[in-house]
Amino acid sequence: MNLKLVLIGLVVFGGLIFSDAYGAAGQQGAPAGVIREQITSIKFLDAYFGTADEKIEAGPGDTNMPFTVIFANVGTQDLTGIRGTLTLPSQYTSVDGRFGEITADNEEKATAGNTFALTFYTNINGAAEIKRYAGHVDVDYSRLRETGVRTDSFDFTFKLTGDSVVNLTPTNPFITSLINNNVQVEVSNSGTAPLSNVEIVLQNTETASSTTTIAKNIENVIFDENHWDVGTIKPNSSKTFSFNIYVPENLKNEPLHAKMEVTYFDGHGEKNIVTRNADFYINGLIKPYIYGVKVIELSGQPTVIGDILNEGNTDGLFGFVTLQPRGDSNIKEATQYIDEIEPDSPVPFNIPVETNGILSFGDHDIRIIVAYKDSLREEQTITYDTTVTISPFASSSDSESPIGGIVALVVIAGIIYWLYRKGKLPYIGKKKAEAVPES
């Protein structure tokens, strides 16, 4: 009986010793902080260039760029005294110098169940590549109603997105009133990040002030489209879209600012909306045509005449009319200066005909060229091909012919002889009286 009690005691005592040893071994083999890891206070959420409120694009060579890491307080107590130390690859350095620490503080309390942010500032090397990188952050903090400082560490990845730069430029900024202008606008991305899903909308100006030049112009101009899907524009490349603009008669010699809203997604995948102007200049319309070309006699010389009518709404400047022979015509080329070609007022021209050799009568193929400059001092020309007939000029009266002159001389001589016979010429009569002697 006593032996049984001794054996039972030995078993119980050995079990207690084994239990303590197993528990000690278990505590020694477990990682440090295993209990805190199971009930950790901080969870990593995101890391990107930007602030707590907004992601921004960053590219090689950018300096003093904000880099934000977002955490969540998943514990049951509020956190204070939050301080972070950021470790990034060698392409990223502290704004305090190459070997300085990249640190950030959060002076606010991180309440339980909510998120908080640490915003660091870094310089980006100009040789950095647009890609994803690995980073590391250590966060020191304290919990309310608890002494001491805790530290949590997190590895993460982030993306150097590059910059996207949007510009709108018409390929030809000059348009003309009174006609339907087909225009092409180039959307360019001069940055290092792509522009994705680019969409462009012509702004509605009905809500704009009618006193502004932009609203005044746009309200009177007709666009055949107001929405364009452009797609993705890669870095340092561009795409174009086209549309038609009709400008009324009263708009000329002034700028036109077409305000457009550009929507796109940047390197973060964030939606961006920016406003750009497609700037044009409105030329007045010069629309001359040539009519009434024929040959007449002017000052005893055959002359090509005609008229030019400008059906536009602005003057053609420094006008010249040139007569050129075509085919077998032996007419010499000649030019006449006509100055301004005004709207709605015929401008006449007359060019004397000179020839190489003897003028040949009959039909002559000719070309009339009208050259002028528009309001931008760009030279413009129009041509008109026609056939004119050159004929001998008929006399306008008998007195202009040799026979008529002879007849006139005979009549005059007869009159003089009749007056002589009748003694009606005083000078001749006096001579006769002096010649008779006295008896």
Protein backbone atom coordinates (compact mmCIF):
# COMPACT_ATOMS: atom_id res chain seq x y z
CA MET A 1 0.00 0.00 0.00
CA ASN A 2 2.75 2.37 0.91
CA LEU A 3 4.54 1.31 -2.28
CA LYS A 4 1.50 2.27 -4.37
CA LEU A 5 1.30 5.68 -2.74
CA VAL A 6 4.98 6.25 -3.43
CA LEU A 7 4.60 5.27 -7.10
CA ILE A 8 1.57 7.52 -7.52
CA GLY A 9 3.49 10.40 -5.97
CA LEU A 10 6.45 9.83 -8.27
CA VAL A 11 4.19 9.83 -11.34
CA VAL A 12 2.45 13.06 -10.29
CA PHE A 13 5.75 14.76 -9.46
CA GLY A 14 7.33 13.63 -12.74
CA GLY A 15 4.35 14.91 -14.69
CA LEU A 16 4.65 18.30 -13.08
CA ILE A 17 8.37 18.45 -13.84
CA PHE A 18 7.77 17.37 -17.48
CA SER A 19 4.96 19.90 -17.88
CA ASP A 20 7.16 22.76 -16.65
CA ALA A 21 10.04 21.68 -18.86
CA TYR A 22 7.80 21.40 -21.92
CA GLY A 23 6.31 24.80 -21.23
CA ALA A 24 9.75 26.35 -20.85
CA ALA A 25 10.97 24.72 -24.05
CA GLY A 26 7.89 25.94 -25.83
CA GLN A 27 8.50 29.52 -24.72
CA GLN A 28 12.16 29.39 -25.73
CA GLY A 29 11.41 27.96 -29.19
CA ALA A 30 8.67 30.52 -30.04
CA PRO A 31 9.64 33.70 -31.94
CA ALA A 32 9.98 36.85 -29.89
CA GLY A 33 6.75 38.83 -29.76
CA VAL A 34 4.62 35.96 -30.99
CA ILE A 35 1.74 37.05 -28.80
CA ARG A 36 2.01 40.68 -30.03
CA GLU A 37 2.18 39.48 -33.60
CA GLN A 38 -1.10 37.69 -33.17
CA ILE A 39 -2.70 40.86 -31.86
CA THR A 40 -0.53 43.40 -33.74
CA SER A 41 -1.72 47.03 -33.62
CA ILE A 42 -0.71 48.15 -37.15
CA LYS A 43 -1.48 46.81 -40.60
CA PHE A 44 0.20 48.08 -43.81
CA LEU A 45 -2.26 49.19 -46.51
CA ASP A 46 -0.55 51.12 -49.33
CA ALA A 47 2.55 53.09 -50.39
CA TYR A 48 2.64 55.62 -53.22
CA PHE A 49 3.90 59.03 -54.32
CA GLY A 50 1.57 61.74 -53.10
CA THR A 51 -0.11 62.86 -49.92
CA ALA A 52 -2.69 61.27 -47.69
CA ASP A 53 -5.42 62.99 -49.72
CA GLU A 54 -4.11 62.60 -53.28
CA LYS A 55 -1.85 60.38 -55.34
CA ILE A 56 0.49 62.25 -57.66
CA GLU A 57 2.70 61.20 -60.52
CA ALA A 58 6.46 61.18 -60.00
CA GLY A 59 9.22 60.72 -62.51
CA PRO A 60 13.00 60.54 -62.79
CA GLY A 61 14.69 63.75 -61.68
CA ASP A 62 11.85 64.97 -59.45
CA THR A 63 12.95 66.40 -56.12
CA ASN A 64 11.31 66.84 -52.73
CA MET A 65 8.54 64.43 -53.74
CA PRO A 66 6.02 63.35 -51.08
CA PHE A 67 5.90 59.59 -50.52
CA THR A 68 3.03 58.38 -48.35
CA VAL A 69 2.55 55.08 -46.54
CA ILE A 70 -0.96 54.25 -45.32
CA PHE A 71 -1.53 52.09 -42.22
CA ALA A 72 -4.54 50.90 -40.26
CA ASN A 73 -4.76 50.74 -36.46
CA VAL A 74 -6.25 47.29 -36.09
CA GLY A 75 -5.69 47.13 -32.35
CA THR A 76 -8.08 48.00 -29.55
CA GLN A 77 -6.16 51.03 -28.28
CA ASP A 78 -5.30 54.42 -29.77
CA LEU A 79 -1.71 55.01 -30.89
CA THR A 80 0.45 58.08 -30.23
CA GLY A 81 4.01 59.21 -30.88
CA ILE A 82 4.02 57.67 -34.34
CA ARG A 83 7.33 57.97 -36.19
CA GLY A 84 8.49 56.18 -39.31
CA THR A 85 11.82 55.46 -40.99
CA LEU A 86 11.71 54.68 -44.70
CA THR A 87 14.27 52.63 -46.58
CA LEU A 88 14.20 52.83 -50.40
CA PRO A 89 16.53 51.68 -53.19
CA SER A 90 19.63 53.71 -54.06
CA GLN A 91 17.75 55.71 -56.74
CA TYR A 92 15.91 57.49 -53.92
CA THR A 93 17.62 59.73 -51.38
CA SER A 94 16.67 61.92 -48.46
CA VAL A 95 16.05 65.60 -49.09
CA ASP A 96 18.61 66.19 -46.32
CA GLY A 97 21.40 64.58 -48.32
CA ARG A 98 22.46 61.33 -49.88
CA PHE A 99 23.21 59.59 -46.58
CA GLY A 100 20.44 61.18 -44.53
CA GLU A 101 17.55 59.17 -43.10
CA ILE A 102 14.13 59.44 -44.69
CA THR A 103 11.86 59.95 -41.70
CA ALA A 104 8.35 61.21 -40.98
CA ASP A 105 6.26 61.93 -37.88
CA ASN A 106 2.52 61.82 -37.32
CA GLU A 107 1.62 64.20 -34.52
CA GLU A 108 -2.00 63.11 -34.44
CA LYS A 109 -3.48 60.22 -32.48
CA ALA A 110 -4.31 57.13 -34.53
CA THR A 111 -7.61 55.96 -33.16
CA ALA A 112 -8.46 52.29 -32.96
CA GLY A 113 -10.13 50.95 -36.10
CA ASN A 114 -9.08 53.88 -38.33
CA THR A 115 -6.30 54.56 -40.82
CA PHE A 116 -3.36 56.94 -40.51
CA ALA A 117 -0.55 58.03 -42.81
CA LEU A 118 3.13 58.88 -42.74
CA THR A 119 4.33 61.20 -45.50
CA PHE A 120 8.04 61.16 -46.29
CA TYR A 121 9.94 63.37 -48.76
CA THR A 122 12.53 62.06 -51.17
CA ASN A 123 14.60 62.99 -54.22
CA ILE A 124 14.46 60.76 -57.29
CA ASN A 125 17.57 60.15 -59.34
CA GLY A 126 17.32 61.18 -62.99
CA ALA A 127 18.45 57.71 -64.08
CA ALA A 128 15.68 55.90 -62.20
CA GLU A 129 13.56 53.60 -64.36
CA ILE A 130 9.78 53.66 -64.61
CA LYS A 131 8.92 50.39 -62.83
CA ARG A 132 8.03 48.82 -59.48
CA TYR A 133 10.51 48.94 -56.60
CA ALA A 134 10.79 47.28 -53.16
CA GLY A 135 10.77 49.33 -49.98
CA HIS A 136 10.84 48.91 -46.21
CA VAL A 137 9.40 50.96 -43.37
CA ASP A 138 9.87 50.81 -39.60
CA VAL A 139 7.14 52.38 -37.46
CA ASP A 140 7.66 53.34 -33.82
CA TYR A 141 4.61 54.12 -31.69
CA SER A 142 3.11 53.92 -28.21
CA ARG A 143 -0.28 52.65 -27.08
CA LEU A 144 -2.43 54.58 -24.67
CA ARG A 145 -2.37 53.36 -21.07
CA GLU A 146 0.86 51.52 -21.86
CA THR A 147 4.46 52.49 -21.26
CA GLY A 148 7.29 51.91 -23.71
CA VAL A 149 7.71 52.13 -27.47
CA ARG A 150 6.67 49.43 -29.90
CA THR A 151 8.16 48.92 -33.37
CA ASP A 152 6.56 47.27 -36.37
CA SER A 153 8.34 46.69 -39.69
CA PHE A 154 6.87 46.16 -43.14
CA ASP A 155 8.21 45.27 -46.56
CA PHE A 156 6.24 46.56 -49.55
CA THR A 157 6.46 47.43 -53.23
CA PHE A 158 5.64 50.72 -54.95
CA LYS A 159 5.62 52.09 -58.50
CA LEU A 160 7.55 54.97 -60.00
CA THR A 161 4.79 56.06 -62.36
CA GLY A 162 6.45 58.81 -64.39
CA ASP A 163 4.77 62.11 -65.30
CA SER A 164 2.02 62.60 -67.86
CA VAL A 165 1.85 66.01 -69.55
CA VAL A 166 -1.20 66.86 -71.68
CA ASN A 167 -1.22 69.49 -74.43
CA LEU A 168 -3.68 70.36 -77.22
CA THR A 169 -2.37 71.98 -80.40
CA PRO A 170 -4.15 72.46 -83.76
CA THR A 171 -1.99 71.17 -86.62
CA ASN A 172 -3.04 74.29 -88.56
CA PRO A 173 -4.28 77.10 -86.32
CA PHE A 174 -5.69 79.27 -89.13
CA ILE A 175 -9.35 78.98 -90.09
CA THR A 176 -11.48 81.11 -92.41
CA SER A 177 -14.89 82.62 -91.89
CA LEU A 178 -17.82 81.90 -94.23
CA ILE A 179 -16.59 78.39 -95.06
CA ASN A 180 -16.64 74.94 -93.42
CA ASN A 181 -13.13 74.39 -92.01
CA ASN A 182 -11.88 70.86 -91.44
CA VAL A 183 -9.41 71.12 -88.55
CA GLN A 184 -7.15 68.59 -86.87
CA VAL A 185 -6.05 68.84 -83.24
CA GLU A 186 -3.04 67.00 -81.85
CA VAL A 187 -3.17 65.63 -78.28
CA SER A 188 0.40 65.15 -77.10
CA ASN A 189 1.93 63.54 -74.03
CA SER A 190 5.38 65.00 -73.41
CA GLY A 191 5.80 63.18 -70.10
CA THR A 192 7.16 59.79 -69.04
CA ALA A 193 3.87 58.10 -68.06
CA PRO A 194 1.11 56.96 -70.42
CA LEU A 195 -2.26 58.67 -70.67
CA SER A 196 -4.94 55.98 -70.61
CA ASN A 197 -8.53 56.18 -71.90
CA VAL A 198 -8.22 59.78 -73.03
CA GLU A 199 -11.58 61.44 -73.59
CA ILE A 200 -12.08 65.03 -74.79
CA VAL A 201 -15.25 67.12 -74.51
CA LEU A 202 -15.80 70.60 -75.96
CA GLN A 203 -16.90 72.77 -73.06
CA ASN A 204 -20.49 74.00 -72.94
CA THR A 205 -20.23 77.80 -72.97
CA GLU A 206 -23.88 78.57 -72.28
CA THR A 207 -23.01 79.07 -68.62
CA ALA A 208 -20.01 81.27 -69.42
CA SER A 209 -20.15 85.02 -69.26
CA SER A 210 -21.25 86.50 -72.57
CA THR A 211 -18.78 89.35 -72.09
CA THR A 212 -15.77 87.08 -72.49
CA THR A 213 -14.05 86.67 -75.82
CA ILE A 214 -14.19 82.89 -75.53
CA ALA A 215 -17.94 82.76 -74.98
CA LYS A 216 -18.59 85.39 -77.65
CA ASN A 217 -16.68 83.41 -80.24
CA ILE A 218 -17.92 79.96 -79.33
CA GLU A 219 -21.56 81.04 -79.17
CA ASN A 220 -21.40 82.08 -82.82
CA VAL A 221 -19.27 79.23 -84.15
CA ILE A 222 -20.69 75.88 -85.26
CA PHE A 223 -18.84 72.64 -84.38
CA ASP A 224 -20.05 69.43 -86.01
CA GLU A 225 -18.77 67.36 -83.00
CA ASN A 226 -18.18 68.01 -79.32
CA HIS A 227 -16.92 64.67 -77.94
CA TRP A 228 -13.92 62.55 -78.93
CA ASP A 229 -12.50 59.24 -77.57
CA VAL A 230 -8.77 59.28 -78.22
CA GLY A 231 -7.60 56.14 -76.39
CA THR A 232 -4.15 55.64 -74.86
CA ILE A 233 -1.26 58.00 -75.58
CA LYS A 234 2.19 56.65 -74.78
CA PRO A 235 4.97 58.85 -73.35
CA ASN A 236 6.52 61.30 -75.84
CA SER A 237 3.90 60.56 -78.46
CA SER A 238 0.65 62.05 -79.71
CA LYS A 239 -2.68 61.31 -81.37
CA THR A 240 -5.01 63.48 -83.40
CA PHE A 241 -8.74 64.00 -83.79
CA SER A 242 -10.57 66.09 -86.36
CA PHE A 243 -13.82 67.99 -86.74
CA ASN A 244 -15.42 70.76 -88.78
CA ILE A 245 -15.85 74.40 -87.75
CA TYR A 246 -18.10 76.92 -89.49
CA VAL A 247 -17.38 80.55 -88.65
CA PRO A 248 -20.02 83.20 -89.53
CA GLU A 249 -19.33 86.29 -91.62
CA ASN A 250 -19.05 88.74 -88.72
CA LEU A 251 -16.10 86.91 -87.15
CA LYS A 252 -12.78 87.66 -88.79
CA ASN A 253 -9.26 88.76 -87.89
CA GLU A 254 -9.53 87.65 -84.26
CA PRO A 255 -8.56 84.61 -82.14
CA LEU A 256 -10.87 81.70 -81.34
CA HIS A 257 -10.27 79.78 -78.09
CA ALA A 258 -11.99 76.39 -78.11
CA LYS A 259 -12.04 75.30 -74.46
CA MET A 260 -11.85 71.52 -74.03
CA GLU A 261 -12.01 69.20 -71.03
CA VAL A 262 -9.53 66.31 -71.13
CA THR A 263 -10.21 63.22 -68.99
CA TYR A 264 -7.59 60.48 -68.61
CA PHE A 265 -6.17 57.90 -66.18
CA ASP A 266 -2.60 58.43 -64.98
CA GLY A 267 0.15 56.01 -63.96
CA HIS A 268 -1.58 55.34 -60.61
CA GLY A 269 -4.80 54.43 -62.40
CA GLU A 270 -6.33 57.58 -60.97
CA LYS A 271 -8.85 59.60 -63.00
CA ASN A 272 -7.69 63.11 -63.90
CA ILE A 273 -9.63 65.98 -65.49
CA VAL A 274 -7.78 68.96 -66.94
CA THR A 275 -8.85 71.85 -69.17
CA ARG A 276 -6.95 72.92 -72.27
CA ASN A 277 -7.59 75.45 -75.07
CA ALA A 278 -7.29 74.68 -78.77
CA ASP A 279 -6.38 78.13 -80.10
CA PHE A 280 -7.24 79.25 -83.63
CA TYR A 281 -7.02 82.48 -85.61
CA ILE A 282 -9.95 83.47 -87.84
CA ASN A 283 -9.00 84.83 -91.24
CA GLY A 284 -11.45 86.84 -93.28
CA LEU A 285 -12.52 85.25 -96.56
CA ILE A 286 -11.12 86.56 -99.83
CA LYS A 287 -13.00 84.94 -102.71
CA PRO A 288 -12.25 86.70 -106.01
CA TYR A 289 -13.39 85.55 -109.42
CA ILE A 290 -12.65 86.96 -112.89
CA TYR A 291 -15.30 87.74 -115.48
CA GLY A 292 -15.99 89.91 -118.58
CA VAL A 293 -12.64 89.31 -120.25
CA LYS A 294 -12.49 90.63 -123.84
CA VAL A 295 -10.44 92.78 -126.21
CA ILE A 296 -11.35 96.40 -127.06
CA GLU A 297 -9.57 99.31 -128.75
CA LEU A 298 -8.25 101.76 -126.20
CA SER A 299 -6.18 104.80 -127.35
CA GLY A 300 -5.74 103.17 -130.72
CA GLN A 301 -4.35 99.92 -129.26
CA PRO A 302 -6.00 96.54 -128.64
CA THR A 303 -6.45 96.07 -124.88
CA VAL A 304 -7.55 93.09 -122.78
CA ILE A 305 -10.08 94.23 -120.20
CA GLY A 306 -12.07 92.48 -117.47
CA ASP A 307 -13.32 92.71 -113.90
CA ILE A 308 -12.54 91.00 -110.59
CA LEU A 309 -15.29 90.57 -107.97
CA ASN A 310 -14.44 89.64 -104.36
CA GLU A 311 -17.32 87.64 -102.88
CA GLY A 312 -15.61 87.36 -99.46
CA ASN A 313 -15.68 89.63 -96.42
CA THR A 314 -12.18 91.09 -96.33
CA ASP A 315 -9.80 92.88 -98.69
CA GLY A 316 -7.25 91.18 -100.87
CA LEU A 317 -4.07 93.24 -100.50
CA PHE A 318 -1.42 94.25 -103.05
CA GLY A 319 -3.28 92.89 -106.07
CA PHE A 320 -1.64 92.24 -109.46
CA VAL A 321 -3.20 91.05 -112.72
CA THR A 322 -0.98 89.21 -115.21
CA LEU A 323 -1.82 88.47 -118.86
CA GLN A 324 -0.10 85.35 -120.21
CA PRO A 325 -0.28 83.79 -123.70
CA ARG A 326 -1.20 80.15 -124.13
CA GLY A 327 -0.79 77.82 -127.06
CA ASP A 328 0.29 79.55 -130.30
CA SER A 329 -0.56 83.08 -129.19
CA ASN A 330 2.23 85.61 -129.80
CA ILE A 331 0.95 88.04 -127.15
CA LYS A 332 3.63 89.19 -124.71
CA GLU A 333 3.19 88.58 -120.98
CA ALA A 334 2.27 91.79 -119.12
CA THR A 335 1.28 92.72 -115.54
CA GLN A 336 -0.85 95.49 -114.05
CA TYR A 337 -0.98 96.58 -110.37
CA ILE A 338 -4.56 96.94 -109.09
CA ASP A 339 -3.94 97.53 -105.34
CA GLU A 340 -6.75 96.30 -103.00
CA ILE A 341 -9.50 93.91 -104.07
CA GLU A 342 -12.41 95.04 -101.92
CA PRO A 343 -15.49 92.89 -101.18
CA ASP A 344 -18.69 93.39 -103.21
CA SER A 345 -17.10 95.97 -105.53
CA PRO A 346 -15.85 95.03 -109.03
CA VAL A 347 -12.24 95.93 -109.68
CA PRO A 348 -11.53 96.58 -113.41
CA PHE A 349 -8.27 95.87 -115.17
CA ASN A 350 -6.98 96.76 -118.66
CA ILE A 351 -3.76 95.48 -120.14
CA PRO A 352 -2.57 96.76 -123.56
CA VAL A 353 -1.73 93.97 -125.97
CA GLU A 354 1.86 93.80 -127.14
CA THR A 355 3.17 91.05 -129.38
CA ASN A 356 6.31 89.27 -130.37
CA GLY A 357 6.42 90.18 -134.04
CA ILE A 358 3.42 91.18 -136.12
CA LEU A 359 0.07 91.00 -134.35
CA SER A 360 -1.91 88.11 -135.72
CA PHE A 361 -5.63 88.68 -135.92
CA GLY A 362 -8.07 86.02 -134.84
CA ASP A 363 -8.45 83.91 -131.68
CA HIS A 364 -5.79 83.95 -128.94
CA ASP A 365 -5.74 81.60 -125.96
CA ILE A 366 -4.75 83.57 -122.86
CA ARG A 367 -4.52 83.14 -119.11
CA ILE A 368 -5.40 85.81 -116.54
CA ILE A 369 -3.62 85.42 -113.18
CA VAL A 370 -4.72 87.47 -110.16
CA ALA A 371 -2.20 87.50 -107.29
CA TYR A 372 -2.88 89.09 -103.89
CA LYS A 373 -1.99 88.75 -100.21
CA ASP A 374 -4.39 87.78 -97.43
CA SER A 375 -4.57 89.32 -93.96
CA LEU A 376 -1.60 87.19 -92.86
CA ARG A 377 0.43 88.52 -95.79
CA GLU A 378 0.41 85.10 -97.40
CA GLU A 379 0.36 85.27 -101.20
CA GLN A 380 -2.64 83.73 -102.97
CA THR A 381 -3.39 83.37 -106.70
CA ILE A 382 -6.33 82.50 -108.92
CA THR A 383 -6.22 81.80 -112.68
CA TYR A 384 -8.74 82.17 -115.48
CA ASP A 385 -8.19 80.62 -118.93
CA THR A 386 -10.16 81.94 -121.87
CA THR A 387 -10.00 82.75 -125.60
CA VAL A 388 -10.21 86.30 -126.95
CA THR A 389 -10.55 87.50 -130.54
CA ILE A 390 -8.42 90.31 -131.97
CA SER A 391 -9.83 91.89 -135.19
CA PRO A 392 -8.85 94.91 -137.35
CA PHE A 393 -10.58 97.98 -136.00
CA ALA A 394 -13.37 99.40 -138.24
CA SER A 395 -13.48 103.27 -138.78
CA SER A 396 -16.08 105.01 -136.77
CA SER A 397 -16.94 107.68 -139.55
CA ASP A 398 -16.14 108.59 -143.17
CA SER A 399 -14.08 111.60 -142.10
CA GLU A 400 -11.61 109.16 -140.54
CA SER A 401 -10.96 107.38 -143.92
CA PRO A 402 -8.53 108.63 -146.71
CA ILE A 403 -11.37 108.88 -149.28
CA GLY A 404 -13.37 111.00 -146.93
CA GLY A 405 -10.37 113.30 -146.51
CA ILE A 406 -9.90 113.70 -150.28
CA VAL A 407 -13.55 114.50 -150.77
CA ALA A 408 -13.32 117.08 -148.04
CA LEU A 409 -10.29 118.71 -149.65
CA VAL A 410 -12.06 118.89 -153.05
CA VAL A 411 -15.08 120.51 -151.46
CA ILE A 412 -12.93 123.06 -149.64
CA ALA A 413 -10.99 123.87 -152.86
CA GLY A 414 -14.24 124.40 -154.76
CA ILE A 415 -15.50 126.78 -152.12
CA ILE A 416 -12.28 128.80 -152.26
CA TYR A 417 -12.38 128.98 -156.10
CA TRP A 418 -16.02 130.16 -156.05
CA LEU A 419 -15.15 132.88 -153.54
CA TYR A 420 -12.16 133.91 -155.67
CA ARG A 421 -14.29 134.28 -158.81
CA LYS A 422 -16.86 136.34 -156.96
CA GLY A 423 -14.21 138.56 -155.44
CA LYS A 424 -15.27 137.54 -152.02
CA LEU A 425 -11.70 137.10 -150.87
CA PRO A 426 -10.68 140.62 -149.69
CA TYR A 427 -6.92 140.14 -149.90
CA ILE A 428 -6.93 138.88 -153.47
CA GLY A 429 -9.38 141.65 -154.59
CA LYS A 430 -7.09 144.39 -153.22
CA LYS A 431 -4.09 143.09 -155.17
CA LYS A 432 -6.08 143.25 -158.43
CA ALA A 433 -7.07 146.90 -157.87
CA GLU A 434 -3.49 147.91 -157.31
CA ALA A 435 -2.40 146.28 -160.57
CA VAL A 436 -4.79 148.33 -162.94
CA PRO A 437 -3.00 151.57 -164.36
CA GLU A 438 -4.71 154.97 -164.53
CA SER A 439 -5.95 156.11 -167.99
